[in-house]
């Protein structure tokens, strides 16, 4: 995860994916963006890294820890990025419904 701008810039925050949907993605990180901040999310699938432009919509600290729950939405993604996400979500939905 990379955040841009003059406030809270970060070029390499590591995250754990908590959930993903057609509207956005939930992450956990120790290096959160600010709500409303543009975020470049890098997702590695096999040997290919995909960059997705997202927007931070939710940042909540987990209790007294140094970890934060972060919600990013896909509203800043390009049509090509949205098509990639559609393909990934279709695969995940198929995988989840297979016994």
C-alpha atoms as a PDB file:
ATOM      1  CA  UNK A   1       0.000   0.000   0.000  1.00  0.00           C
ATOM      2  CA  UNK A   2       1.326   3.433  -0.942  1.00  0.00           C
ATOM      3  CA  UNK A   3      -0.141   6.760   0.104  1.00  0.00           C
ATOM      4  CA  UNK A   4       0.511   9.937  -1.840  1.00  0.00           C
ATOM      5  CA  UNK A   5       0.390  13.601  -0.951  1.00  0.00           C
ATOM      6  CA  UNK A   6       2.030  15.868   1.587  1.00  0.00           C
ATOM      7  CA  UNK A   7       0.138  14.481   4.606  1.00  0.00           C
ATOM      8  CA  UNK A   8       1.075  11.012   5.819  1.00  0.00           C
ATOM      9  CA  UNK A   9       2.969   9.823   2.698  1.00  0.00           C
ATOM     10  CA  UNK A  10       4.147   6.206   2.790  1.00  0.00           C
ATOM     11  CA  UNK A  11       5.619   4.210  -0.077  1.00  0.00           C
ATOM     12  CA  UNK A  12       5.492   0.723   1.425  1.00  0.00           C
ATOM     13  CA  UNK A  13       2.937  -0.178   4.071  1.00  0.00           C
ATOM     14  CA  UNK A  14       2.318  -3.902   4.415  1.00  0.00           C
ATOM     15  CA  UNK A  15      -1.253  -5.093   4.899  1.00  0.00           C
ATOM     16  CA  UNK A  16      -3.311  -8.167   5.549  1.00  0.00           C
ATOM     17  CA  UNK A  17      -6.505  -8.560   3.530  1.00  0.00           C
ATOM     18  CA  UNK A  18      -9.533  -9.079   5.789  1.00  0.00           C
ATOM     19  CA  UNK A  19     -12.290  -9.035   3.161  1.00  0.00           C
ATOM     20  CA  UNK A  20     -12.865  -8.048  -0.425  1.00  0.00           C
ATOM     21  CA  UNK A  21     -16.016  -7.221  -2.372  1.00  0.00           C
ATOM     22  CA  UNK A  22     -17.186  -5.496  -5.528  1.00  0.00           C
ATOM     23  CA  UNK A  23     -17.287  -2.173  -3.671  1.00  0.00           C
ATOM     24  CA  UNK A  24     -13.919  -2.285  -1.882  1.00  0.00           C
ATOM     25  CA  UNK A  25     -11.422  -4.081   0.297  1.00  0.00           C
ATOM     26  CA  UNK A  26     -10.863  -4.328   4.054  1.00  0.00           C
ATOM     27  CA  UNK A  27      -7.285  -4.412   5.272  1.00  0.00           C
ATOM     28  CA  UNK A  28      -5.345  -4.484   8.517  1.00  0.00           C
ATOM     29  CA  UNK A  29      -2.107  -2.531   8.793  1.00  0.00           C
ATOM     30  CA  UNK A  30       0.178  -0.796  11.250  1.00  0.00           C
ATOM     31  CA  UNK A  31       0.712   2.061   8.786  1.00  0.00           C
ATOM     32  CA  UNK A  32      -2.755   3.417   7.979  1.00  0.00           C
ATOM     33  CA  UNK A  33      -3.668   6.115   5.473  1.00  0.00           C
ATOM     34  CA  UNK A  34      -5.881   9.042   6.389  1.00  0.00           C
ATOM     35  CA  UNK A  35      -9.603   8.882   5.625  1.00  0.00           C
ATOM     36  CA  UNK A  36     -10.109  10.446   2.195  1.00  0.00           C
ATOM     37  CA  UNK A  37      -6.517   9.840   1.130  1.00  0.00           C
ATOM     38  CA  UNK A  38      -5.718   8.300  -2.240  1.00  0.00           C
ATOM     39  CA  UNK A  39      -3.988   4.930  -1.911  1.00  0.00           C
ATOM     40  CA  UNK A  40      -2.157   2.812  -4.467  1.00  0.00           C
ATOM     41  CA  UNK A  41      -2.732  -0.811  -3.520  1.00  0.00           C
ATOM     42  CA  UNK A  42      -0.338  -3.398  -4.918  1.00  0.00           C
ATOM     43  CA  UNK A  43      -1.676  -6.936  -5.157  1.00  0.00           C
ATOM     44  CA  UNK A  44       0.644  -9.780  -6.091  1.00  0.00           C
ATOM     45  CA  UNK A  45      -0.966 -12.738  -7.820  1.00  0.00           C
ATOM     46  CA  UNK A  46       1.525 -15.411  -8.785  1.00  0.00           C
ATOM     47  CA  UNK A  47       4.443 -13.512 -10.351  1.00  0.00           C
ATOM     48  CA  UNK A  48       2.407 -10.475 -11.419  1.00  0.00           C
ATOM     49  CA  UNK A  49       1.935  -7.330  -9.343  1.00  0.00           C
ATOM     50  CA  UNK A  50      -1.184  -5.279 -10.047  1.00  0.00           C
ATOM     51  CA  UNK A  51      -1.500  -1.642  -8.965  1.00  0.00           C
ATOM     52  CA  UNK A  52      -4.977  -0.383  -8.079  1.00  0.00           C
ATOM     53  CA  UNK A  53      -5.956   3.215  -7.354  1.00  0.00           C
ATOM     54  CA  UNK A  54      -8.221   3.309  -4.295  1.00  0.00           C
ATOM     55  CA  UNK A  55      -9.640   5.747  -1.764  1.00  0.00           C
ATOM     56  CA  UNK A  56      -9.434   5.330   2.024  1.00  0.00           C
ATOM     57  CA  UNK A  57     -12.984   5.468   3.367  1.00  0.00           C
ATOM     58  CA  UNK A  58     -12.536   4.012   6.862  1.00  0.00           C
ATOM     59  CA  UNK A  59      -9.657   3.875   9.350  1.00  0.00           C
ATOM     60  CA  UNK A  60     -10.271   2.461  12.837  1.00  0.00           C
ATOM     61  CA  UNK A  61      -7.675   1.612  15.461  1.00  0.00           C
ATOM     62  CA  UNK A  62      -7.994  -1.915  16.905  1.00  0.00           C
ATOM     63  CA  UNK A  63      -8.285  -1.355  20.644  1.00  0.00           C
ATOM     64  CA  UNK A  64      -5.000  -0.294  22.241  1.00  0.00           C
ATOM     65  CA  UNK A  65      -2.895  -1.970  19.543  1.00  0.00           C
ATOM     66  CA  UNK A  66      -0.822  -0.376  16.807  1.00  0.00           C
ATOM     67  CA  UNK A  67      -3.003  -2.003  14.139  1.00  0.00           C
ATOM     68  CA  UNK A  68      -5.757  -0.353  12.172  1.00  0.00           C
ATOM     69  CA  UNK A  69      -8.705  -1.663  10.171  1.00  0.00           C
ATOM     70  CA  UNK A  70      -8.736   0.172   6.866  1.00  0.00           C
ATOM     71  CA  UNK A  71     -11.470   0.273   4.247  1.00  0.00           C
ATOM     72  CA  UNK A  72     -10.569   1.185   0.679  1.00  0.00           C
ATOM     73  CA  UNK A  73     -13.067   1.593  -2.141  1.00  0.00           C
ATOM     74  CA  UNK A  74     -12.529   1.016  -5.830  1.00  0.00           C
ATOM     75  CA  UNK A  75     -14.023   4.373  -6.964  1.00  0.00           C
ATOM     76  CA  UNK A  76     -10.659   5.677  -8.238  1.00  0.00           C
ATOM     77  CA  UNK A  77      -9.839   2.552 -10.295  1.00  0.00           C
ATOM     78  CA  UNK A  78      -9.494   2.723 -14.054  1.00  0.00           C
ATOM     79  CA  UNK A  79     -11.801   0.596 -16.260  1.00  0.00           C
ATOM     80  CA  UNK A  80      -8.899  -1.847 -16.790  1.00  0.00           C
ATOM     81  CA  UNK A  81      -8.338  -2.157 -13.045  1.00  0.00           C
ATOM     82  CA  UNK A  82     -12.065  -2.726 -12.477  1.00  0.00           C
ATOM     83  CA  UNK A  83     -12.041  -5.501 -15.101  1.00  0.00           C
ATOM     84  CA  UNK A  84      -9.108  -7.168 -13.324  1.00  0.00           C
ATOM     85  CA  UNK A  85     -11.030  -6.945 -10.020  1.00  0.00           C
ATOM     86  CA  UNK A  86     -14.137  -8.412 -11.634  1.00  0.00           C
ATOM     87  CA  UNK A  87     -12.112 -11.394 -12.844  1.00  0.00           C
ATOM     88  CA  UNK A  88     -10.500 -11.917  -9.416  1.00  0.00           C
ATOM     89  CA  UNK A  89     -13.836 -11.690  -7.591  1.00  0.00           C
ATOM     90  CA  UNK A  90     -15.463 -14.123 -10.023  1.00  0.00           C
ATOM     91  CA  UNK A  91     -12.682 -16.637  -9.310  1.00  0.00           C
ATOM     92  CA  UNK A  92     -12.993 -16.108  -5.535  1.00  0.00           C
ATOM     93  CA  UNK A  93     -16.779 -16.465  -5.614  1.00  0.00           C
ATOM     94  CA  UNK A  94     -16.478 -19.682  -7.621  1.00  0.00           C
ATOM     95  CA  UNK A  95     -13.819 -20.989  -5.215  1.00  0.00           C
ATOM     96  CA  UNK A  96     -15.993 -20.198  -2.154  1.00  0.00           C
ATOM     97  CA  UNK A  97     -19.014 -22.003  -3.605  1.00  0.00           C
ATOM     98  CA  UNK A  98     -17.093 -25.172  -4.543  1.00  0.00           C
ATOM     99  CA  UNK A  99     -17.549 -27.969  -1.941  1.00  0.00           C
END
